[in-house]
Amino acid sequence: MHMKDFPKYNDQSWHAKLNDTCQEIIQAYRANPEHVILISGPTASGKSGLAMCVAQALNGVILSADSMQIYRGFDIGTAKATPEEQRLIPHFMIDIVDPDQNYSVARFAEDARLILDDKAKEGRVVIVCGGTGQYIQALLDGIVFFSHERDDKLRAEIAAEAEGEGLAKLWQKIVRLDPDTAKTMESTDSRRIIRFHELYKLTGKTRSQIDLESRALDNKYNFLPYFLDPGRAFLNMRIAARTSQMLDEGLVEETSALLSKYPDTGLQPYYGIGYREVIAYLSGEYSYEEMVEWIVIHTRQYAKRQRTWFRPRTDLIRV
């Protein structure tokens, strides 16, 4: 079976490697049919194409573990499966909430496990595919997260503090309190920084402490977990090519249409890479060239954080 869905990049060695990996995963699953296949890795590493290859061969379904693909209407900038791909292979955990609805890791863990249970009863092969670290961690480690409802009044107070004293001051507090969590976010990500401090004030605990307490004692699922890592140089090439492709497909127009329906730029999905830079362009903050440059830069930084997040794991089959 060949992976016809992969874009044609100059370096074909990674394309060939993923074709070989598809066959390896198929053989590994047939030897361990009680396992759930999981494919992760940094953005633009080829996860979706590999998952499609495996799903076609095994008559499987794909469960997305991507924190942006859950939102309806956010299609191009999230590299969401096309309607044609979704008709070919059933996809789950995409297009499940509107942009103005909240969604948490705790909800993902609960929803994903329900799907895994249902598909196991049906005897269907499930391929989990995505690069959101906390989503993948929740499944691999069997984590049951304590859910903490948002406190809008407290959040507004922290946002006002960030506005008055500067976001950098709140960021430095996170670096001191919880350096592990600090490594997984950007110093300019106001939404996540404010959320961290909201949880800290509500619980008296850092994000890492909450995650540690949320960890379950065991996991009912067995996984065949693969991690794709073609290296920084090749990823940078693919990121630049994919950014150009997304803009050609209408990322600016998609963002503009979303803004006309959901004008609040503080909504969670607008913080996604690609959308926030387009918003800055549409508001006159960036020129078109600056917008393109910042999408590429921020995507590269995100890919680096993804590789850092997964690096300590010893249970992954690394490609």
C-alpha atoms as a PDB file:
ATOM      1  CA  MET A   1       0.000   0.000   0.000  1.00  0.00           C
ATOM      2  CA  HIS A   2       1.314   3.439  -0.875  1.00  0.00           C
ATOM      3  CA  MET A   3       0.696   6.738   0.834  1.00  0.00           C
ATOM      4  CA  LYS A   4      -0.636   8.799  -2.044  1.00  0.00           C
ATOM      5  CA  ASP A   5      -1.934  11.478   0.307  1.00  0.00           C
ATOM      6  CA  PHE A   6       1.513  12.781   1.255  1.00  0.00           C
ATOM      7  CA  PRO A   7       2.557  16.072  -0.389  1.00  0.00           C
ATOM      8  CA  LYS A   8       5.530  15.811  -2.722  1.00  0.00           C
ATOM      9  CA  TYR A   9       8.467  17.453  -0.969  1.00  0.00           C
ATOM     10  CA  ASN A  10      11.994  17.575  -2.295  1.00  0.00           C
ATOM     11  CA  ASP A  11      13.374  15.079   0.200  1.00  0.00           C
ATOM     12  CA  GLN A  12      11.671  11.797  -0.649  1.00  0.00           C
ATOM     13  CA  SER A  13      13.575   9.769   1.955  1.00  0.00           C
ATOM     14  CA  TRP A  14      11.070  10.693   4.686  1.00  0.00           C
ATOM     15  CA  HIS A  15       8.175   9.871   2.374  1.00  0.00           C
ATOM     16  CA  ALA A  16       9.715   6.441   1.750  1.00  0.00           C
ATOM     17  CA  LYS A  17      10.332   5.976   5.482  1.00  0.00           C
ATOM     18  CA  LEU A  18       6.675   6.655   6.248  1.00  0.00           C
ATOM     19  CA  ASN A  19       5.603   4.139   3.603  1.00  0.00           C
ATOM     20  CA  ASP A  20       7.791   1.552   5.334  1.00  0.00           C
ATOM     21  CA  THR A  21       6.453   2.596   8.739  1.00  0.00           C
ATOM     22  CA  CYS A  22       2.890   2.107   7.513  1.00  0.00           C
ATOM     23  CA  GLN A  23       3.704  -1.512   6.715  1.00  0.00           C
ATOM     24  CA  GLU A  24       5.466  -1.960  10.072  1.00  0.00           C
ATOM     25  CA  ILE A  25       2.444  -0.652  11.972  1.00  0.00           C
ATOM     26  CA  ILE A  26       0.093  -2.924  10.044  1.00  0.00           C
ATOM     27  CA  GLN A  27       2.244  -5.970  10.869  1.00  0.00           C
ATOM     28  CA  ALA A  28       2.624  -4.925  14.513  1.00  0.00           C
ATOM     29  CA  TYR A  29      -1.129  -4.519  14.896  1.00  0.00           C
ATOM     30  CA  ARG A  30      -1.896  -7.880  13.327  1.00  0.00           C
ATOM     31  CA  ALA A  31       0.446  -9.420  15.890  1.00  0.00           C
ATOM     32  CA  ASN A  32      -1.227  -7.408  18.705  1.00  0.00           C
ATOM     33  CA  PRO A  33      -4.871  -6.951  17.655  1.00  0.00           C
ATOM     34  CA  GLU A  34      -5.998  -5.936  21.150  1.00  0.00           C
ATOM     35  CA  HIS A  35      -3.885  -2.763  20.978  1.00  0.00           C
ATOM     36  CA  VAL A  36      -4.845   0.771  20.013  1.00  0.00           C
ATOM     37  CA  ILE A  37      -2.550   2.337  17.408  1.00  0.00           C
ATOM     38  CA  LEU A  38      -1.328   5.819  18.286  1.00  0.00           C
ATOM     39  CA  ILE A  39       0.585   8.108  15.930  1.00  0.00           C
ATOM     40  CA  SER A  40       2.023  11.325  17.280  1.00  0.00           C
ATOM     41  CA  GLY A  41       4.831  13.750  16.522  1.00  0.00           C
ATOM     42  CA  PRO A  42       5.473  17.420  15.843  1.00  0.00           C
ATOM     43  CA  THR A  43       3.361  19.428  13.447  1.00  0.00           C
ATOM     44  CA  ALA A  44       3.965  18.759   9.743  1.00  0.00           C
ATOM     45  CA  SER A  45       5.771  15.468  10.417  1.00  0.00           C
ATOM     46  CA  GLY A  46       3.316  13.410   8.342  1.00  0.00           C
ATOM     47  CA  LYS A  47       1.014  12.002  11.046  1.00  0.00           C
ATOM     48  CA  SER A  48      -2.244  12.365   9.131  1.00  0.00           C
ATOM     49  CA  GLY A  49      -1.014  10.720   5.953  1.00  0.00           C
ATOM     50  CA  LEU A  50       0.436   7.809   7.912  1.00  0.00           C
ATOM     51  CA  ALA A  51      -2.797   7.388   9.878  1.00  0.00           C
ATOM     52  CA  MET A  52      -4.799   7.343   6.637  1.00  0.00           C
ATOM     53  CA  CYS A  53      -2.511   4.679   5.207  1.00  0.00           C
ATOM     54  CA  VAL A  54      -2.904   2.436   8.259  1.00  0.00           C
ATOM     55  CA  ALA A  55      -6.655   3.030   8.527  1.00  0.00           C
ATOM     56  CA  GLN A  56      -7.241   2.105   4.888  1.00  0.00           C
ATOM     57  CA  ALA A  57      -5.265  -1.117   5.236  1.00  0.00           C
ATOM     58  CA  LEU A  58      -6.982  -2.201   8.457  1.00  0.00           C
ATOM     59  CA  ASN A  59     -10.481  -0.821   7.787  1.00  0.00           C
ATOM     60  CA  GLY A  60      -9.994   1.373  10.820  1.00  0.00           C
ATOM     61  CA  VAL A  61     -11.198   4.711  12.119  1.00  0.00           C
ATOM     62  CA  ILE A  62      -9.164   7.754  13.142  1.00  0.00           C
ATOM     63  CA  LEU A  63      -9.539   9.473  16.499  1.00  0.00           C
ATOM     64  CA  SER A  64      -8.032  12.963  16.403  1.00  0.00           C
ATOM     65  CA  ALA A  65      -5.915  14.071  19.355  1.00  0.00           C
ATOM     66  CA  ASP A  66      -5.596  17.676  18.206  1.00  0.00           C
ATOM     67  CA  SER A  67      -6.847  20.493  20.427  1.00  0.00           C
ATOM     68  CA  MET A  68      -7.648  22.758  17.456  1.00  0.00           C
ATOM     69  CA  GLN A  69      -9.432  20.296  15.190  1.00  0.00           C
ATOM     70  CA  ILE A  70     -12.265  19.984  17.697  1.00  0.00           C
ATOM     71  CA  TYR A  71     -13.613  23.393  16.589  1.00  0.00           C
ATOM     72  CA  ARG A  72     -16.149  23.693  13.796  1.00  0.00           C
ATOM     73  CA  GLY A  73     -15.115  26.006  10.988  1.00  0.00           C
ATOM     74  CA  PHE A  74     -11.406  25.992  11.794  1.00  0.00           C
ATOM     75  CA  ASP A  75     -10.395  23.782   8.909  1.00  0.00           C
ATOM     76  CA  ILE A  76      -7.524  25.102   6.816  1.00  0.00           C
ATOM     77  CA  GLY A  77      -5.331  26.376   9.632  1.00  0.00           C
ATOM     78  CA  THR A  78      -5.655  23.114  11.568  1.00  0.00           C
ATOM     79  CA  ALA A  79      -4.874  20.872   8.572  1.00  0.00           C
ATOM     80  CA  LYS A  80      -8.145  19.093   9.273  1.00  0.00           C
ATOM     81  CA  ALA A  81      -9.027  16.021   7.226  1.00  0.00           C
ATOM     82  CA  THR A  82     -10.831  17.032   4.053  1.00  0.00           C
ATOM     83  CA  PRO A  83     -14.470  16.020   3.445  1.00  0.00           C
ATOM     84  CA  GLU A  84     -13.212  13.460   0.933  1.00  0.00           C
ATOM     85  CA  GLU A  85     -10.829  11.936   3.500  1.00  0.00           C
ATOM     86  CA  GLN A  86     -13.594  11.851   6.089  1.00  0.00           C
ATOM     87  CA  ARG A  87     -15.871  10.025   3.655  1.00  0.00           C
ATOM     88  CA  LEU A  88     -13.106   7.513   2.986  1.00  0.00           C
ATOM     89  CA  ILE A  89     -12.173   6.983   6.650  1.00  0.00           C
ATOM     90  CA  PRO A  90     -14.465   7.815   9.614  1.00  0.00           C
ATOM     91  CA  HIS A  91     -12.909  10.505  11.813  1.00  0.00           C
ATOM     92  CA  PHE A  92     -13.804  11.196  15.441  1.00  0.00           C
ATOM     93  CA  MET A  93     -13.121  14.109  17.796  1.00  0.00           C
ATOM     94  CA  ILE A  94     -13.147  16.740  15.053  1.00  0.00           C
ATOM     95  CA  ASP A  95     -15.858  19.389  14.591  1.00  0.00           C
ATOM     96  CA  ILE A  96     -17.402  18.597  17.971  1.00  0.00           C
ATOM     97  CA  VAL A  97     -17.718  22.095  19.533  1.00  0.00           C
ATOM     98  CA  ASP A  98     -18.430  25.614  18.311  1.00  0.00           C
ATOM     99  CA  PRO A  99     -15.662  28.232  18.596  1.00  0.00           C
ATOM    100  CA  ASP A 100     -17.397  30.004  21.484  1.00  0.00           C
ATOM    101  CA  GLN A 101     -17.623  26.828  23.587  1.00  0.00           C
ATOM    102  CA  ASN A 102     -15.027  25.776  26.154  1.00  0.00           C
ATOM    103  CA  TYR A 103     -13.271  22.436  25.934  1.00  0.00           C
ATOM    104  CA  SER A 104     -10.721  20.913  28.300  1.00  0.00           C
ATOM    105  CA  VAL A 105      -8.219  18.081  28.472  1.00  0.00           C
ATOM    106  CA  ALA A 106     -10.507  16.443  31.027  1.00  0.00           C
ATOM    107  CA  ARG A 107     -13.378  16.447  28.543  1.00  0.00           C
ATOM    108  CA  PHE A 108     -11.138  15.100  25.789  1.00  0.00           C
ATOM    109  CA  ALA A 109      -9.981  12.216  27.970  1.00  0.00           C
ATOM    110  CA  GLU A 110     -13.570  11.328  28.829  1.00  0.00           C
ATOM    111  CA  ASP A 111     -14.907  11.667  25.269  1.00  0.00           C
ATOM    112  CA  ALA A 112     -11.996   9.790  23.697  1.00  0.00           C
ATOM    113  CA  ARG A 113     -12.339   6.868  26.095  1.00  0.00           C
ATOM    114  CA  LEU A 114     -16.036   6.550  25.276  1.00  0.00           C
ATOM    115  CA  ILE A 115     -15.139   6.285  21.582  1.00  0.00           C
ATOM    116  CA  LEU A 116     -12.399   3.736  22.302  1.00  0.00           C
ATOM    117  CA  ASP A 117     -14.902   1.660  24.292  1.00  0.00           C
ATOM    118  CA  ASP A 118     -17.538   1.844  21.547  1.00  0.00           C
ATOM    119  CA  LYS A 119     -15.129   0.881  18.777  1.00  0.00           C
ATOM    120  CA  ALA A 120     -13.719  -1.986  20.834  1.00  0.00           C
ATOM    121  CA  LYS A 121     -17.247  -3.400  21.168  1.00  0.00           C
ATOM    122  CA  GLU A 122     -17.680  -3.050  17.390  1.00  0.00           C
ATOM    123  CA  GLY A 123     -14.338  -4.714  16.734  1.00  0.00           C
ATOM    124  CA  ARG A 124     -13.072  -1.692  14.798  1.00  0.00           C
ATOM    125  CA  VAL A 125      -9.402  -0.719  14.677  1.00  0.00           C
ATOM    126  CA  VAL A 126      -8.739   2.727  16.152  1.00  0.00           C
ATOM    127  CA  ILE A 127      -5.827   4.916  15.106  1.00  0.00           C
ATOM    128  CA  VAL A 128      -5.305   7.824  17.487  1.00  0.00           C
ATOM    129  CA  CYS A 129      -3.560  10.616  15.576  1.00  0.00           C
ATOM    130  CA  GLY A 130      -2.449  14.008  16.839  1.00  0.00           C
ATOM    131  CA  GLY A 131       0.235  16.139  18.389  1.00  0.00           C
ATOM    132  CA  THR A 132      -1.406  17.783  21.407  1.00  0.00           C
ATOM    133  CA  GLY A 133       0.839  16.639  24.232  1.00  0.00           C
ATOM    134  CA  GLN A 134      -1.706  16.679  27.050  1.00  0.00           C
ATOM    135  CA  TYR A 135      -4.254  14.786  24.953  1.00  0.00           C
ATOM    136  CA  ILE A 136      -1.735  12.066  24.097  1.00  0.00           C
ATOM    137  CA  GLN A 137      -0.471  11.917  27.676  1.00  0.00           C
ATOM    138  CA  ALA A 138      -4.015  11.519  29.015  1.00  0.00           C
ATOM    139  CA  LEU A 139      -4.539   8.415  26.872  1.00  0.00           C
ATOM    140  CA  LEU A 140      -1.108   6.794  27.194  1.00  0.00           C
ATOM    141  CA  ASP A 141      -0.919   7.245  30.957  1.00  0.00           C
ATOM    142  CA  GLY A 142      -4.571   6.568  31.696  1.00  0.00           C
ATOM    143  CA  ILE A 143      -4.927   9.961  33.326  1.00  0.00           C
ATOM    144  CA  VAL A 144      -8.279  10.952  34.737  1.00  0.00           C
ATOM    145  CA  PHE A 145      -8.079  14.719  35.124  1.00  0.00           C
ATOM    146  CA  PHE A 146      -9.729  16.607  37.922  1.00  0.00           C
ATOM    147  CA  SER A 147     -11.968  19.065  36.153  1.00  0.00           C
ATOM    148  CA  HIS A 148     -11.887  22.659  37.411  1.00  0.00           C
ATOM    149  CA  GLU A 149     -14.605  24.933  36.169  1.00  0.00           C
ATOM    150  CA  ARG A 150     -13.576  28.366  34.999  1.00  0.00           C
ATOM    151  CA  ASP A 151     -14.169  31.366  37.240  1.00  0.00           C
ATOM    152  CA  ASP A 152     -14.967  34.269  34.913  1.00  0.00           C
ATOM    153  CA  LYS A 153     -14.676  36.911  37.625  1.00  0.00           C
ATOM    154  CA  LEU A 154     -11.272  35.656  38.770  1.00  0.00           C
ATOM    155  CA  ARG A 155     -10.124  35.308  35.172  1.00  0.00           C
ATOM    156  CA  ALA A 156     -11.096  38.917  34.467  1.00  0.00           C
ATOM    157  CA  GLU A 157      -9.135  40.050  37.529  1.00  0.00           C
ATOM    158  CA  ILE A 158      -6.027  38.196  36.359  1.00  0.00           C
ATOM    159  CA  ALA A 159      -6.442  39.563  32.835  1.00  0.00           C
ATOM    160  CA  ALA A 160      -6.622  43.078  34.294  1.00  0.00           C
ATOM    161  CA  GLU A 161      -3.454  42.334  36.271  1.00  0.00           C
ATOM    162  CA  ALA A 162      -1.713  41.230  33.076  1.00  0.00           C
ATOM    163  CA  GLU A 163      -2.849  44.414  31.377  1.00  0.00           C
ATOM    164  CA  GLY A 164      -1.718  46.630  34.236  1.00  0.00           C
ATOM    165  CA  GLU A 165       1.513  45.013  35.416  1.00  0.00           C
ATOM    166  CA  GLY A 166       2.440  43.297  32.178  1.00  0.00           C
ATOM    167  CA  LEU A 167       2.099  39.720  30.959  1.00  0.00           C
ATOM    168  CA  ALA A 168       5.840  39.181  31.416  1.00  0.00           C
ATOM    169  CA  LYS A 169       5.494  39.439  35.195  1.00  0.00           C
ATOM    170  CA  LEU A 170       2.846  36.701  35.265  1.00  0.00           C
ATOM    171  CA  TRP A 171       4.990  34.595  32.948  1.00  0.00           C
ATOM    172  CA  GLN A 172       8.007  34.864  35.259  1.00  0.00           C
ATOM    173  CA  LYS A 173       5.853  33.650  38.136  1.00  0.00           C
ATOM    174  CA  ILE A 174       5.055  30.500  36.143  1.00  0.00           C
ATOM    175  CA  VAL A 175       8.761  29.967  35.405  1.00  0.00           C
ATOM    176  CA  ARG A 176       9.476  30.098  39.139  1.00  0.00           C
ATOM    177  CA  LEU A 177       6.444  28.107  40.296  1.00  0.00           C
ATOM    178  CA  ASP A 178       6.266  25.444  37.588  1.00  0.00           C
ATOM    179  CA  PRO A 179       9.227  25.347  35.175  1.00  0.00           C
ATOM    180  CA  ASP A 180       7.996  22.111  33.556  1.00  0.00           C
ATOM    181  CA  THR A 181       4.710  23.720  32.514  1.00  0.00           C
ATOM    182  CA  ALA A 182       6.562  26.855  31.393  1.00  0.00           C
ATOM    183  CA  LYS A 183       8.435  24.747  28.850  1.00  0.00           C
ATOM    184  CA  THR A 184       5.148  23.807  27.157  1.00  0.00           C
ATOM    185  CA  MET A 185       3.839  27.327  26.535  1.00  0.00           C
ATOM    186  CA  GLU A 186       5.013  30.586  25.004  1.00  0.00           C
ATOM    187  CA  SER A 187       5.817  33.607  27.126  1.00  0.00           C
ATOM    188  CA  THR A 188       3.320  35.582  25.023  1.00  0.00           C
ATOM    189  CA  ASP A 189       0.431  33.106  25.250  1.00  0.00           C
ATOM    190  CA  SER A 190      -1.854  35.262  27.385  1.00  0.00           C
ATOM    191  CA  ARG A 191      -4.735  32.775  27.395  1.00  0.00           C
ATOM    192  CA  ARG A 192      -2.719  29.899  28.863  1.00  0.00           C
ATOM    193  CA  ILE A 193      -0.793  32.150  31.250  1.00  0.00           C
ATOM    194  CA  ILE A 194      -4.022  33.591  32.645  1.00  0.00           C
ATOM    195  CA  ARG A 195      -5.562  30.106  32.887  1.00  0.00           C
ATOM    196  CA  PHE A 196      -2.510  28.862  34.829  1.00  0.00           C
ATOM    197  CA  HIS A 197      -2.876  31.607  37.412  1.00  0.00           C
ATOM    198  CA  GLU A 198      -6.636  31.087  37.582  1.00  0.00           C
ATOM    199  CA  LEU A 199      -6.140  27.402  38.449  1.00  0.00           C
ATOM    200  CA  TYR A 200      -3.351  28.252  40.880  1.00  0.00           C
ATOM    201  CA  LYS A 201      -5.545  30.700  42.772  1.00  0.00           C
ATOM    202  CA  LEU A 202      -8.526  28.343  42.731  1.00  0.00           C
ATOM    203  CA  THR A 203      -6.631  25.263  43.905  1.00  0.00           C
ATOM    204  CA  GLY A 204      -3.358  26.466  45.384  1.00  0.00           C
ATOM    205  CA  LYS A 205      -1.636  24.007  43.056  1.00  0.00           C
ATOM    206  CA  THR A 206       0.443  24.353  39.907  1.00  0.00           C
ATOM    207  CA  ARG A 207      -0.513  22.758  36.605  1.00  0.00           C
ATOM    208  CA  SER A 208       2.132  20.051  37.116  1.00  0.00           C
ATOM    209  CA  GLN A 209       0.803  19.260  40.592  1.00  0.00           C
ATOM    210  CA  ILE A 210      -2.755  18.988  39.265  1.00  0.00           C
ATOM    211  CA  ASP A 211      -1.617  16.676  36.463  1.00  0.00           C
ATOM    212  CA  LEU A 212       0.321  14.510  38.913  1.00  0.00           C
ATOM    213  CA  GLU A 213      -2.671  14.134  41.209  1.00  0.00           C
ATOM    214  CA  SER A 214      -4.870  13.362  38.207  1.00  0.00           C
ATOM    215  CA  ARG A 215      -2.777  10.367  37.175  1.00  0.00           C
ATOM    216  CA  ALA A 216      -4.606   7.062  37.324  1.00  0.00           C
ATOM    217  CA  LEU A 217      -3.015   3.946  38.803  1.00  0.00           C
ATOM    218  CA  ASP A 218      -3.393   1.879  35.645  1.00  0.00           C
ATOM    219  CA  ASN A 219      -4.635   2.013  32.067  1.00  0.00           C
ATOM    220  CA  LYS A 220      -7.286  -0.226  30.562  1.00  0.00           C
ATOM    221  CA  TYR A 221      -5.903   0.259  27.035  1.00  0.00           C
ATOM    222  CA  ASN A 222      -2.794  -1.165  25.442  1.00  0.00           C
ATOM    223  CA  PHE A 223      -1.158   1.052  22.849  1.00  0.00           C
ATOM    224  CA  LEU A 224       1.169   0.728  19.911  1.00  0.00           C
ATOM    225  CA  PRO A 225       2.517   4.307  20.237  1.00  0.00           C
ATOM    226  CA  TYR A 226       4.569   5.747  17.391  1.00  0.00           C
ATOM    227  CA  PHE A 227       6.336   9.101  17.385  1.00  0.00           C
ATOM    228  CA  LEU A 228       7.448  10.696  14.103  1.00  0.00           C
ATOM    229  CA  ASP A 229      10.528  12.893  14.220  1.00  0.00           C
ATOM    230  CA  PRO A 230      12.169  13.665  10.884  1.00  0.00           C
ATOM    231  CA  GLY A 231      14.483  16.268  12.423  1.00  0.00           C
ATOM    232  CA  ARG A 232      14.433  20.047  12.638  1.00  0.00           C
ATOM    233  CA  ALA A 233      15.781  20.869   9.172  1.00  0.00           C
ATOM    234  CA  PHE A 234      13.233  18.735   7.360  1.00  0.00           C
ATOM    235  CA  LEU A 235      10.397  19.899   9.603  1.00  0.00           C
ATOM    236  CA  ASN A 236      11.286  23.516   8.867  1.00  0.00           C
ATOM    237  CA  MET A 237      11.049  22.807   5.152  1.00  0.00           C
ATOM    238  CA  ARG A 238       7.656  21.144   5.526  1.00  0.00           C
ATOM    239  CA  ILE A 239       6.362  23.915   7.777  1.00  0.00           C
ATOM    240  CA  ALA A 240       7.255  26.569   5.213  1.00  0.00           C
ATOM    241  CA  ALA A 241       5.636  24.553   2.429  1.00  0.00           C
ATOM    242  CA  ARG A 242       2.491  23.883   4.430  1.00  0.00           C
ATOM    243  CA  THR A 243       2.143  27.539   5.422  1.00  0.00           C
ATOM    244  CA  SER A 244       2.222  28.495   1.755  1.00  0.00           C
ATOM    245  CA  GLN A 245      -0.306  25.776   0.946  1.00  0.00           C
ATOM    246  CA  MET A 246      -2.715  26.917   3.692  1.00  0.00           C
ATOM    247  CA  LEU A 247      -2.622  30.493   2.458  1.00  0.00           C
ATOM    248  CA  ASP A 248      -3.214  29.323  -1.116  1.00  0.00           C
ATOM    249  CA  GLU A 249      -6.210  27.308   0.109  1.00  0.00           C
ATOM    250  CA  GLY A 250      -7.762  30.405   1.694  1.00  0.00           C
ATOM    251  CA  LEU A 251      -6.608  30.713   5.313  1.00  0.00           C
ATOM    252  CA  VAL A 252      -7.089  34.496   5.280  1.00  0.00           C
ATOM    253  CA  GLU A 253     -10.585  34.171   3.830  1.00  0.00           C
ATOM    254  CA  GLU A 254     -11.503  31.422   6.299  1.00  0.00           C
ATOM    255  CA  THR A 255     -10.369  33.551   9.242  1.00  0.00           C
ATOM    256  CA  SER A 256     -12.266  36.582   7.949  1.00  0.00           C
ATOM    257  CA  ALA A 257     -15.448  34.537   7.612  1.00  0.00           C
ATOM    258  CA  LEU A 258     -15.039  33.149  11.140  1.00  0.00           C
ATOM    259  CA  LEU A 259     -14.556  36.665  12.523  1.00  0.00           C
ATOM    260  CA  SER A 260     -17.757  37.827  10.898  1.00  0.00           C
ATOM    261  CA  LYS A 261     -19.637  35.086  12.731  1.00  0.00           C
ATOM    262  CA  TYR A 262     -17.580  35.057  15.943  1.00  0.00           C
ATOM    263  CA  PRO A 263     -16.081  38.569  16.352  1.00  0.00           C
ATOM    264  CA  ASP A 264     -14.629  37.980  19.835  1.00  0.00           C
ATOM    265  CA  THR A 265     -10.914  37.474  19.134  1.00  0.00           C
ATOM    266  CA  GLY A 266     -10.454  36.262  22.708  1.00  0.00           C
ATOM    267  CA  LEU A 267     -12.104  32.933  21.888  1.00  0.00           C
ATOM    268  CA  GLN A 268      -9.846  29.949  22.482  1.00  0.00           C
ATOM    269  CA  PRO A 269      -9.410  28.753  18.866  1.00  0.00           C
ATOM    270  CA  TYR A 270      -8.289  32.200  17.685  1.00  0.00           C
ATOM    271  CA  TYR A 271      -5.094  31.660  19.673  1.00  0.00           C
ATOM    272  CA  GLY A 272      -4.180  28.838  17.306  1.00  0.00           C
ATOM    273  CA  ILE A 273      -1.112  29.404  15.159  1.00  0.00           C
ATOM    274  CA  GLY A 274      -2.115  30.744  11.760  1.00  0.00           C
ATOM    275  CA  TYR A 275      -5.336  32.316  12.939  1.00  0.00           C
ATOM    276  CA  ARG A 276      -3.792  34.774  15.370  1.00  0.00           C
ATOM    277  CA  GLU A 277      -1.270  35.952  12.770  1.00  0.00           C
ATOM    278  CA  VAL A 278      -4.014  36.376  10.156  1.00  0.00           C
ATOM    279  CA  ILE A 279      -6.040  38.375  12.684  1.00  0.00           C
ATOM    280  CA  ALA A 280      -3.020  40.625  13.212  1.00  0.00           C
ATOM    281  CA  TYR A 281      -2.755  41.046   9.438  1.00  0.00           C
ATOM    282  CA  LEU A 282      -6.453  41.836   9.038  1.00  0.00           C
ATOM    283  CA  SER A 283      -6.242  44.414  11.851  1.00  0.00           C
ATOM    284  CA  GLY A 284      -3.279  46.124  10.198  1.00  0.00           C
ATOM    285  CA  GLU A 285      -0.702  45.033  12.768  1.00  0.00           C
ATOM    286  CA  TYR A 286       1.241  42.925  10.228  1.00  0.00           C
ATOM    287  CA  SER A 287       1.924  43.289   6.557  1.00  0.00           C
ATOM    288  CA  TYR A 288       1.160  40.205   4.470  1.00  0.00           C
ATOM    289  CA  GLU A 289       4.854  39.304   4.370  1.00  0.00           C
ATOM    290  CA  GLU A 290       5.182  39.723   8.140  1.00  0.00           C
ATOM    291  CA  MET A 291       2.121  37.548   8.663  1.00  0.00           C
ATOM    292  CA  VAL A 292       3.641  34.720   6.611  1.00  0.00           C
ATOM    293  CA  GLU A 293       6.970  35.037   8.410  1.00  0.00           C
ATOM    294  CA  TRP A 294       5.388  34.910  11.865  1.00  0.00           C
ATOM    295  CA  ILE A 295       3.210  31.902  11.017  1.00  0.00           C
ATOM    296  CA  VAL A 296       6.362  30.008  10.013  1.00  0.00           C
ATOM    297  CA  ILE A 297       8.315  31.168  13.080  1.00  0.00           C
ATOM    298  CA  HIS A 298       5.553  30.349  15.538  1.00  0.00           C
ATOM    299  CA  THR A 299       4.927  26.955  13.935  1.00  0.00           C
ATOM    300  CA  ARG A 300       8.623  26.112  14.190  1.00  0.00           C
ATOM    301  CA  GLN A 301       8.590  27.102  17.861  1.00  0.00           C
ATOM    302  CA  TYR A 302       5.537  24.944  18.438  1.00  0.00           C
ATOM    303  CA  ALA A 303       7.189  21.948  16.747  1.00  0.00           C
ATOM    304  CA  LYS A 304      10.186  22.407  19.038  1.00  0.00           C
ATOM    305  CA  ARG A 305       7.935  22.426  22.111  1.00  0.00           C
ATOM    306  CA  GLN A 306       6.201  19.262  20.908  1.00  0.00           C
ATOM    307  CA  ARG A 307       9.514  17.458  20.513  1.00  0.00           C
ATOM    308  CA  THR A 308      10.561  18.661  23.983  1.00  0.00           C
ATOM    309  CA  TRP A 309       7.279  17.496  25.519  1.00  0.00           C
ATOM    310  CA  PHE A 310       7.619  13.933  24.195  1.00  0.00           C
ATOM    311  CA  ARG A 311      11.390  13.589  24.586  1.00  0.00           C
ATOM    312  CA  PRO A 312      11.339  12.125  28.139  1.00  0.00           C
ATOM    313  CA  ARG A 313       8.916   9.330  27.181  1.00  0.00           C
ATOM    314  CA  THR A 314      10.570   5.932  26.848  1.00  0.00           C
ATOM    315  CA  ASP A 315       7.438   4.061  25.748  1.00  0.00           C
ATOM    316  CA  LEU A 316       7.266   5.504  22.235  1.00  0.00           C
ATOM    317  CA  ILE A 317       8.341   3.707  19.085  1.00  0.00           C
ATOM    318  CA  ARG A 318      10.371   6.458  17.494  1.00  0.00           C
ATOM    319  CA  VAL A 319      10.538   6.868  13.727  1.00  0.00           C
END
